PDB file of all heavy atoms in Angstrom:
ATOM      1  N   PRO A   1       0.794  -1.223   0.010  1.00  0.00           N
ATOM      2  CA  PRO A   1      -0.010   0.000   0.004  1.00  0.00           C
ATOM      3  C   PRO A   1       0.815   1.268   0.010  1.00  0.00           C
ATOM      4  O   PRO A   1       0.308   2.349  -0.304  1.00  0.00           O
ATOM      5  CB  PRO A   1      -0.811  -0.124   1.307  1.00  0.00           C
ATOM      6  CG  PRO A   1       0.005  -1.044   2.150  1.00  0.00           C
ATOM      7  CD  PRO A   1       0.621  -2.031   1.220  1.00  0.00           C
ATOM      8  N   LEU A   2       2.097   1.214   0.345  1.00  0.00           N
ATOM      9  CA  LEU A   2       2.950   2.416   0.337  1.00  0.00           C
ATOM     10  C   LEU A   2       3.763   2.536  -0.943  1.00  0.00           C
ATOM     11  O   LEU A   2       4.631   3.429  -1.001  1.00  0.00           O
ATOM     12  CB  LEU A   2       3.886   2.362   1.556  1.00  0.00           C
ATOM     13  CG  LEU A   2       3.252   2.285   2.936  1.00  0.00           C
ATOM     14  CD1 LEU A   2       4.319   2.383   4.018  1.00  0.00           C
ATOM     15  CD2 LEU A   2       2.190   3.395   3.119  1.00  0.00           C
ATOM     16  N   SER A   3       3.480   1.715  -1.929  1.00  0.00           N
ATOM     17  CA  SER A   3       4.200   1.814  -3.195  1.00  0.00           C
ATOM     18  C   SER A   3       4.087   3.236  -3.763  1.00  0.00           C
ATOM     19  O   SER A   3       2.991   3.836  -3.803  1.00  0.00           O
ATOM     20  CB  SER A   3       3.619   0.804  -4.198  1.00  0.00           C
ATOM     21  OG  SER A   3       4.324   0.870  -5.409  1.00  0.00           O
ATOM     22  N   GLY A   4       5.212   3.782  -4.180  1.00  0.00           N
ATOM     23  CA  GLY A   4       5.240   5.147  -4.705  1.00  0.00           C
ATOM     24  C   GLY A   4       5.850   6.142  -3.757  1.00  0.00           C
ATOM     25  O   GLY A   4       6.295   7.206  -4.177  1.00  0.00           O
ATOM     26  N   LEU A   5       5.884   5.822  -2.465  1.00  0.00           N
ATOM     27  CA  LEU A   5       6.500   6.710  -1.503  1.00  0.00           C
ATOM     28  C   LEU A   5       8.027   6.548  -1.534  1.00  0.00           C
ATOM     29  O   LEU A   5       8.558   5.446  -1.659  1.00  0.00           O
ATOM     30  CB  LEU A   5       6.019   6.395  -0.063  1.00  0.00           C
ATOM     31  CG  LEU A   5       4.602   6.837   0.301  1.00  0.00           C
ATOM     32  CD1 LEU A   5       4.296   6.392   1.731  1.00  0.00           C
ATOM     33  CD2 LEU A   5       4.510   8.365   0.217  1.00  0.00           C
ATOM     34  N   LYS A   6       8.714   7.644  -1.417  1.00  0.00           N
ATOM     35  CA  LYS A   6      10.194   7.646  -1.428  1.00  0.00           C
ATOM     36  C   LYS A   6      10.660   8.171  -0.087  1.00  0.00           C
ATOM     37  O   LYS A   6      10.341   9.313   0.319  1.00  0.00           O
ATOM     38  CB  LYS A   6      10.735   8.535  -2.562  1.00  0.00           C
ATOM     39  CG  LYS A   6      10.321   8.010  -3.950  1.00  0.00           C
ATOM     40  CD  LYS A   6      10.612   9.049  -5.027  1.00  0.00           C
ATOM     41  CE  LYS A   6      12.069   9.167  -5.351  1.00  0.00           C
ATOM     42  NZ  LYS A   6      12.549   8.019  -6.128  1.00  0.00           N
ATOM     43  N   ILE A   7      11.421   7.346   0.664  1.00  0.00           N
ATOM     44  CA  ILE A   7      11.834   7.681   1.996  1.00  0.00           C
ATOM     45  C   ILE A   7      13.348   7.518   2.140  1.00  0.00           C
ATOM     46  O   ILE A   7      13.927   6.520   1.704  1.00  0.00           O
ATOM     47  CB  ILE A   7      11.098   6.760   3.021  1.00  0.00           C
ATOM     48  CG1 ILE A   7       9.598   6.996   2.922  1.00  0.00           C
ATOM     49  CG2 ILE A   7      11.604   7.001   4.422  1.00  0.00           C
ATOM     50  CD1 ILE A   7       8.766   6.069   3.760  1.00  0.00           C
ATOM     51  N   LEU A   8      13.967   8.495   2.770  1.00  0.00           N
ATOM     52  CA  LEU A   8      15.385   8.450   3.102  1.00  0.00           C
ATOM     53  C   LEU A   8      15.523   8.029   4.563  1.00  0.00           C
ATOM     54  O   LEU A   8      14.824   8.532   5.447  1.00  0.00           O
ATOM     55  CB  LEU A   8      16.052   9.815   2.892  1.00  0.00           C
ATOM     56  CG  LEU A   8      16.071  10.351   1.479  1.00  0.00           C
ATOM     57  CD1 LEU A   8      16.638  11.756   1.464  1.00  0.00           C
ATOM     58  CD2 LEU A   8      16.896   9.448   0.563  1.00  0.00           C
ATOM     59  N   GLU A   9      16.472   7.119   4.810  1.00  0.00           N
ATOM     60  CA  GLU A   9      16.757   6.679   6.141  1.00  0.00           C
ATOM     61  C   GLU A   9      18.235   6.943   6.436  1.00  0.00           C
ATOM     62  O   GLU A   9      19.108   6.402   5.749  1.00  0.00           O
ATOM     63  CB  GLU A   9      16.450   5.168   6.283  1.00  0.00           C
ATOM     64  CG  GLU A   9      16.960   4.527   7.572  1.00  0.00           C
ATOM     65  CD  GLU A   9      17.140   3.021   7.439  1.00  0.00           C
ATOM     66  OE1 GLU A   9      16.893   2.467   6.348  1.00  0.00           O
ATOM     67  OE2 GLU A   9      17.586   2.417   8.432  1.00  0.00           O
ATOM     68  N   ILE A  10      18.521   7.748   7.449  1.00  0.00           N
ATOM     69  CA  ILE A  10      19.902   7.944   7.857  1.00  0.00           C
ATOM     70  C   ILE A  10      20.256   6.796   8.775  1.00  0.00           C
ATOM     71  O   ILE A  10      19.582   6.582   9.794  1.00  0.00           O
ATOM     72  CB  ILE A  10      20.094   9.300   8.583  1.00  0.00           C
ATOM     73  CG1 ILE A  10      19.480  10.454   7.759  1.00  0.00           C
ATOM     74  CG2 ILE A  10      21.565   9.512   8.868  1.00  0.00           C
ATOM     75  CD1 ILE A  10      20.116  10.658   6.409  1.00  0.00           C
ATOM     76  N   ALA A  11      21.272   6.019   8.417  1.00  0.00           N
ATOM     77  CA  ALA A  11      21.571   4.810   9.153  1.00  0.00           C
ATOM     78  C   ALA A  11      21.701   5.055  10.640  1.00  0.00           C
ATOM     79  O   ALA A  11      22.327   6.020  11.102  1.00  0.00           O
ATOM     80  CB  ALA A  11      22.864   4.185   8.596  1.00  0.00           C
ATOM     81  N   ALA A  12      21.081   4.173  11.435  1.00  0.00           N
ATOM     82  CA  ALA A  12      21.113   4.294  12.884  1.00  0.00           C
ATOM     83  C   ALA A  12      20.989   2.895  13.447  1.00  0.00           C
ATOM     84  O   ALA A  12      21.037   1.872  12.721  1.00  0.00           O
ATOM     85  CB  ALA A  12      19.998   5.215  13.372  1.00  0.00           C
ATOM     86  N   LEU A  13      20.775   2.788  14.764  1.00  0.00           N
ATOM     87  CA  LEU A  13      20.623   1.516  15.423  1.00  0.00           C
ATOM     88  C   LEU A  13      19.177   1.319  15.865  1.00  0.00           C
ATOM     89  O   LEU A  13      18.471   2.275  16.187  1.00  0.00           O
ATOM     90  CB  LEU A  13      21.535   1.419  16.656  1.00  0.00           C
ATOM     91  CG  LEU A  13      23.057   1.469  16.407  1.00  0.00           C
ATOM     92  CD1 LEU A  13      23.779   1.485  17.717  1.00  0.00           C
ATOM     93  CD2 LEU A  13      23.505   0.291  15.564  1.00  0.00           C
ATOM     94  N   GLY A  14      18.743   0.042  15.925  1.00  0.00           N
ATOM     95  CA  GLY A  14      17.516  -0.347  16.581  1.00  0.00           C
ATOM     96  C   GLY A  14      16.220   0.140  15.963  1.00  0.00           C
ATOM     97  O   GLY A  14      15.805  -0.286  14.876  1.00  0.00           O
ATOM     98  N   PRO A  15      15.524   1.056  16.656  1.00  0.00           N
ATOM     99  CA  PRO A  15      14.157   1.397  16.234  1.00  0.00           C
ATOM    100  C   PRO A  15      14.035   2.121  14.913  1.00  0.00           C
ATOM    101  O   PRO A  15      13.075   1.886  14.174  1.00  0.00           O
ATOM    102  CB  PRO A  15      13.643   2.289  17.389  1.00  0.00           C
ATOM    103  CG  PRO A  15      14.887   2.797  18.032  1.00  0.00           C
ATOM    104  CD  PRO A  15      15.908   1.714  17.910  1.00  0.00           C
ATOM    105  N   ALA A  16      14.976   2.997  14.573  1.00  0.00           N
ATOM    106  CA  ALA A  16      14.882   3.688  13.281  1.00  0.00           C
ATOM    107  C   ALA A  16      14.951   2.742  12.108  1.00  0.00           C
ATOM    108  O   ALA A  16      14.128   2.783  11.192  1.00  0.00           O
ATOM    109  CB  ALA A  16      15.958   4.801  13.173  1.00  0.00           C
ATOM    110  N   PRO A  17      15.935   1.831  12.067  1.00  0.00           N
ATOM    111  CA  PRO A  17      15.942   0.873  10.951  1.00  0.00           C
ATOM    112  C   PRO A  17      14.768  -0.096  10.967  1.00  0.00           C
ATOM    113  O   PRO A  17      14.298  -0.522   9.930  1.00  0.00           O
ATOM    114  CB  PRO A  17      17.274   0.122  11.128  1.00  0.00           C
ATOM    115  CG  PRO A  17      17.752   0.429  12.488  1.00  0.00           C
ATOM    116  CD  PRO A  17      17.195   1.768  12.845  1.00  0.00           C
ATOM    117  N   PHE A  18      14.239  -0.422  12.160  1.00  0.00           N
ATOM    118  CA  PHE A  18      13.048  -1.296  12.194  1.00  0.00           C
ATOM    119  C   PHE A  18      11.854  -0.566  11.554  1.00  0.00           C
ATOM    120  O   PHE A  18      11.074  -1.184  10.811  1.00  0.00           O
ATOM    121  CB  PHE A  18      12.748  -1.715  13.613  1.00  0.00           C
ATOM    122  CG  PHE A  18      11.622  -2.726  13.707  1.00  0.00           C
ATOM    123  CD1 PHE A  18      11.720  -3.950  13.111  1.00  0.00           C
ATOM    124  CD2 PHE A  18      10.469  -2.408  14.425  1.00  0.00           C
ATOM    125  CE1 PHE A  18      10.680  -4.892  13.190  1.00  0.00           C
ATOM    126  CE2 PHE A  18       9.432  -3.335  14.537  1.00  0.00           C
ATOM    127  CZ  PHE A  18       9.552  -4.571  13.914  1.00  0.00           C
ATOM    128  N   CYS A  19      11.714   0.715  11.891  1.00  0.00           N
ATOM    129  CA  CYS A  19      10.654   1.485  11.253  1.00  0.00           C
ATOM    130  C   CYS A  19      10.829   1.528   9.747  1.00  0.00           C
ATOM    131  O   CYS A  19       9.869   1.334   8.989  1.00  0.00           O
ATOM    132  CB  CYS A  19      10.667   2.910  11.827  1.00  0.00           C
ATOM    133  SG  CYS A  19       9.522   4.037  11.000  1.00  0.00           S
ATOM    134  N   ALA A  20      12.062   1.751   9.290  1.00  0.00           N
ATOM    135  CA  ALA A  20      12.315   1.768   7.835  1.00  0.00           C
ATOM    136  C   ALA A  20      12.031   0.449   7.199  1.00  0.00           C
ATOM    137  O   ALA A  20      11.522   0.392   6.100  1.00  0.00           O
ATOM    138  CB  ALA A  20      13.764   2.187   7.612  1.00  0.00           C
ATOM    139  N   MET A  21      12.364  -0.648   7.895  1.00  0.00           N
ATOM    140  CA  MET A  21      12.059  -1.958   7.386  1.00  0.00           C
ATOM    141  C   MET A  21      10.549  -2.174   7.224  1.00  0.00           C
ATOM    142  O   MET A  21      10.084  -2.688   6.214  1.00  0.00           O
ATOM    143  CB  MET A  21      12.619  -3.024   8.342  1.00  0.00           C
ATOM    144  CG  MET A  21      12.458  -4.469   7.869  1.00  0.00           C
ATOM    145  SD  MET A  21      12.441  -5.643   9.221  1.00  0.00           S
ATOM    146  CE  MET A  21      10.733  -5.480   9.825  1.00  0.00           C
ATOM    147  N   LEU A  22       9.779  -1.732   8.199  1.00  0.00           N
ATOM    148  CA  LEU A  22       8.321  -1.868   8.121  1.00  0.00           C
ATOM    149  C   LEU A  22       7.785  -1.110   6.912  1.00  0.00           C
ATOM    150  O   LEU A  22       6.931  -1.617   6.174  1.00  0.00           O
ATOM    151  CB  LEU A  22       7.675  -1.316   9.395  1.00  0.00           C
ATOM    152  CG  LEU A  22       7.942  -2.106  10.675  1.00  0.00           C
ATOM    153  CD1 LEU A  22       7.347  -1.333  11.856  1.00  0.00           C
ATOM    154  CD2 LEU A  22       7.382  -3.514  10.617  1.00  0.00           C
ATOM    155  N   LEU A  23       8.265   0.133   6.689  1.00  0.00           N
ATOM    156  CA  LEU A  23       7.778   0.925   5.584  1.00  0.00           C
ATOM    157  C   LEU A  23       8.174   0.289   4.269  1.00  0.00           C
ATOM    158  O   LEU A  23       7.401   0.294   3.285  1.00  0.00           O
ATOM    159  CB  LEU A  23       8.329   2.354   5.694  1.00  0.00           C
ATOM    160  CG  LEU A  23       7.926   3.113   6.969  1.00  0.00           C
ATOM    161  CD1 LEU A  23       8.615   4.486   7.012  1.00  0.00           C
ATOM    162  CD2 LEU A  23       6.424   3.261   7.054  1.00  0.00           C
ATOM    163  N   SER A  24       9.367  -0.279   4.182  1.00  0.00           N
ATOM    164  CA  SER A  24       9.804  -0.978   2.981  1.00  0.00           C
ATOM    165  C   SER A  24       8.955  -2.214   2.745  1.00  0.00           C
ATOM    166  O   SER A  24       8.550  -2.505   1.588  1.00  0.00           O
ATOM    167  CB  SER A  24      11.254  -1.361   3.108  1.00  0.00           C
ATOM    168  OG  SER A  24      11.662  -2.262   2.087  1.00  0.00           O
ATOM    169  N   ASP A  25       8.702  -3.005   3.795  1.00  0.00           N
ATOM    170  CA  ASP A  25       7.861  -4.198   3.670  1.00  0.00           C
ATOM    171  C   ASP A  25       6.499  -3.867   3.097  1.00  0.00           C
ATOM    172  O   ASP A  25       5.895  -4.703   2.409  1.00  0.00           O
ATOM    173  CB  ASP A  25       7.696  -4.874   5.015  1.00  0.00           C
ATOM    174  CG  ASP A  25       8.925  -5.658   5.476  1.00  0.00           C
ATOM    175  OD1 ASP A  25       9.868  -5.782   4.683  1.00  0.00           O
ATOM    176  OD2 ASP A  25       8.901  -6.133   6.619  1.00  0.00           O
ATOM    177  N   LEU A  26       6.011  -2.691   3.383  1.00  0.00           N
ATOM    178  CA  LEU A  26       4.690  -2.265   2.919  1.00  0.00           C
ATOM    179  C   LEU A  26       4.737  -1.511   1.612  1.00  0.00           C
ATOM    180  O   LEU A  26       3.744  -0.934   1.188  1.00  0.00           O
ATOM    181  CB  LEU A  26       3.991  -1.430   3.976  1.00  0.00           C
ATOM    182  CG  LEU A  26       3.774  -2.154   5.326  1.00  0.00           C
ATOM    183  CD1 LEU A  26       2.996  -1.277   6.296  1.00  0.00           C
ATOM    184  CD2 LEU A  26       3.035  -3.481   5.112  1.00  0.00           C
ATOM    185  N   GLY A  27       5.898  -1.512   0.927  1.00  0.00           N
ATOM    186  CA  GLY A  27       5.953  -1.068  -0.445  1.00  0.00           C
ATOM    187  C   GLY A  27       6.681   0.247  -0.673  1.00  0.00           C
ATOM    188  O   GLY A  27       6.898   0.594  -1.864  1.00  0.00           O
ATOM    189  N   ALA A  28       7.080   0.986   0.347  1.00  0.00           N
ATOM    190  CA  ALA A  28       7.801   2.236   0.119  1.00  0.00           C
ATOM    191  C   ALA A  28       9.163   1.973  -0.421  1.00  0.00           C
ATOM    192  O   ALA A  28       9.817   0.947  -0.125  1.00  0.00           O
ATOM    193  CB  ALA A  28       7.894   3.023   1.405  1.00  0.00           C
ATOM    194  N   GLU A  29       9.680   2.889  -1.241  1.00  0.00           N
ATOM    195  CA  GLU A  29      11.075   2.825  -1.669  1.00  0.00           C
ATOM    196  C   GLU A  29      11.903   3.549  -0.602  1.00  0.00           C
ATOM    197  O   GLU A  29      11.852   4.765  -0.469  1.00  0.00           O
ATOM    198  CB  GLU A  29      11.292   3.532  -3.002  1.00  0.00           C
ATOM    199  CG  GLU A  29      12.772   3.507  -3.446  1.00  0.00           C
ATOM    200  CD  GLU A  29      13.060   4.355  -4.668  1.00  0.00           C
ATOM    201  OE1 GLU A  29      12.117   4.846  -5.314  1.00  0.00           O
ATOM    202  OE2 GLU A  29      14.270   4.534  -4.959  1.00  0.00           O
ATOM    203  N   VAL A  30      12.637   2.777   0.183  1.00  0.00           N
ATOM    204  CA  VAL A  30      13.437   3.357   1.277  1.00  0.00           C
ATOM    205  C   VAL A  30      14.902   3.207   0.894  1.00  0.00           C
ATOM    206  O   VAL A  30      15.371   2.114   0.569  1.00  0.00           O
ATOM    207  CB  VAL A  30      13.149   2.632   2.605  1.00  0.00           C
ATOM    208  CG1 VAL A  30      13.969   3.332   3.717  1.00  0.00           C
ATOM    209  CG2 VAL A  30      11.664   2.644   2.921  1.00  0.00           C
ATOM    210  N   VAL A  31      15.613   4.311   0.929  1.00  0.00           N
ATOM    211  CA  VAL A  31      17.053   4.319   0.668  1.00  0.00           C
ATOM    212  C   VAL A  31      17.790   4.588   1.955  1.00  0.00           C
ATOM    213  O   VAL A  31      17.520   5.611   2.622  1.00  0.00           O
ATOM    214  CB  VAL A  31      17.431   5.364  -0.388  1.00  0.00           C
ATOM    215  CG1 VAL A  31      18.946   5.559  -0.473  1.00  0.00           C
ATOM    216  CG2 VAL A  31      16.870   4.970  -1.758  1.00  0.00           C
ATOM    217  N   ARG A  32      18.696   3.702   2.338  1.00  0.00           N
ATOM    218  CA  ARG A  32      19.442   3.876   3.573  1.00  0.00           C
ATOM    219  C   ARG A  32      20.757   4.610   3.251  1.00  0.00           C
ATOM    220  O   ARG A  32      21.499   4.196   2.391  1.00  0.00           O
ATOM    221  CB  ARG A  32      19.735   2.522   4.207  1.00  0.00           C
ATOM    222  CG  ARG A  32      20.391   2.629   5.586  1.00  0.00           C
ATOM    223  CD  ARG A  32      20.573   1.300   6.253  1.00  0.00           C
ATOM    224  NE  ARG A  32      21.698   0.543   5.715  1.00  0.00           N
ATOM    225  CZ  ARG A  32      21.592  -0.565   4.984  1.00  0.00           C
ATOM    226  NH1 ARG A  32      20.382  -1.049   4.681  1.00  0.00           N
ATOM    227  NH2 ARG A  32      22.680  -1.192   4.534  1.00  0.00           N
ATOM    228  N   ILE A  33      21.029   5.674   3.981  1.00  0.00           N
ATOM    229  CA  ILE A  33      22.242   6.432   3.795  1.00  0.00           C
ATOM    230  C   ILE A  33      23.225   5.979   4.880  1.00  0.00           C
ATOM    231  O   ILE A  33      23.076   6.256   6.076  1.00  0.00           O
ATOM    232  CB  ILE A  33      22.002   7.952   3.903  1.00  0.00           C
ATOM    233  CG1 ILE A  33      21.035   8.369   2.783  1.00  0.00           C
ATOM    234  CG2 ILE A  33      23.274   8.739   3.808  1.00  0.00           C
ATOM    235  CD1 ILE A  33      20.631   9.824   2.820  1.00  0.00           C
ATOM    236  N   ASP A  34      24.245   5.220   4.462  1.00  0.00           N
ATOM    237  CA  ASP A  34      25.256   4.666   5.373  1.00  0.00           C
ATOM    238  C   ASP A  34      26.535   5.473   5.314  1.00  0.00           C
ATOM    239  O   ASP A  34      26.737   6.344   4.440  1.00  0.00           O
ATOM    240  CB  ASP A  34      25.582   3.223   4.919  1.00  0.00           C
ATOM    241  CG  ASP A  34      24.565   2.220   5.401  1.00  0.00           C
ATOM    242  OD1 ASP A  34      24.349   2.151   6.615  1.00  0.00           O
ATOM    243  OD2 ASP A  34      24.000   1.509   4.555  1.00  0.00           O
ATOM    244  N   ARG A  35      27.401   5.183   6.277  1.00  0.00           N
ATOM    245  CA  ARG A  35      28.730   5.760   6.264  1.00  0.00           C
ATOM    246  C   ARG A  35      29.579   5.032   5.255  1.00  0.00           C
ATOM    247  O   ARG A  35      29.468   3.798   5.105  1.00  0.00           O
ATOM    248  CB  ARG A  35      29.379   5.623   7.627  1.00  0.00           C
ATOM    249  CG  ARG A  35      28.690   6.395   8.750  1.00  0.00           C
ATOM    250  CD  ARG A  35      29.407   6.158  10.062  1.00  0.00           C
ATOM    251  NE  ARG A  35      28.740   6.839  11.166  1.00  0.00           N
ATOM    252  CZ  ARG A  35      29.109   6.750  12.432  1.00  0.00           C
ATOM    253  NH1 ARG A  35      30.173   5.981  12.739  1.00  0.00           N
ATOM    254  NH2 ARG A  35      28.473   7.404  13.377  1.00  0.00           N
TER     255      ARG A  35
END
């Protein structure tokens, strides 16, 4: 259902990546910005 959304994720620990994973699982395009 979130297909078409574009989300940037600044790499972090724990809850932030879990939230990003949930949004990705539901169809959003999530790009993780790593070091």
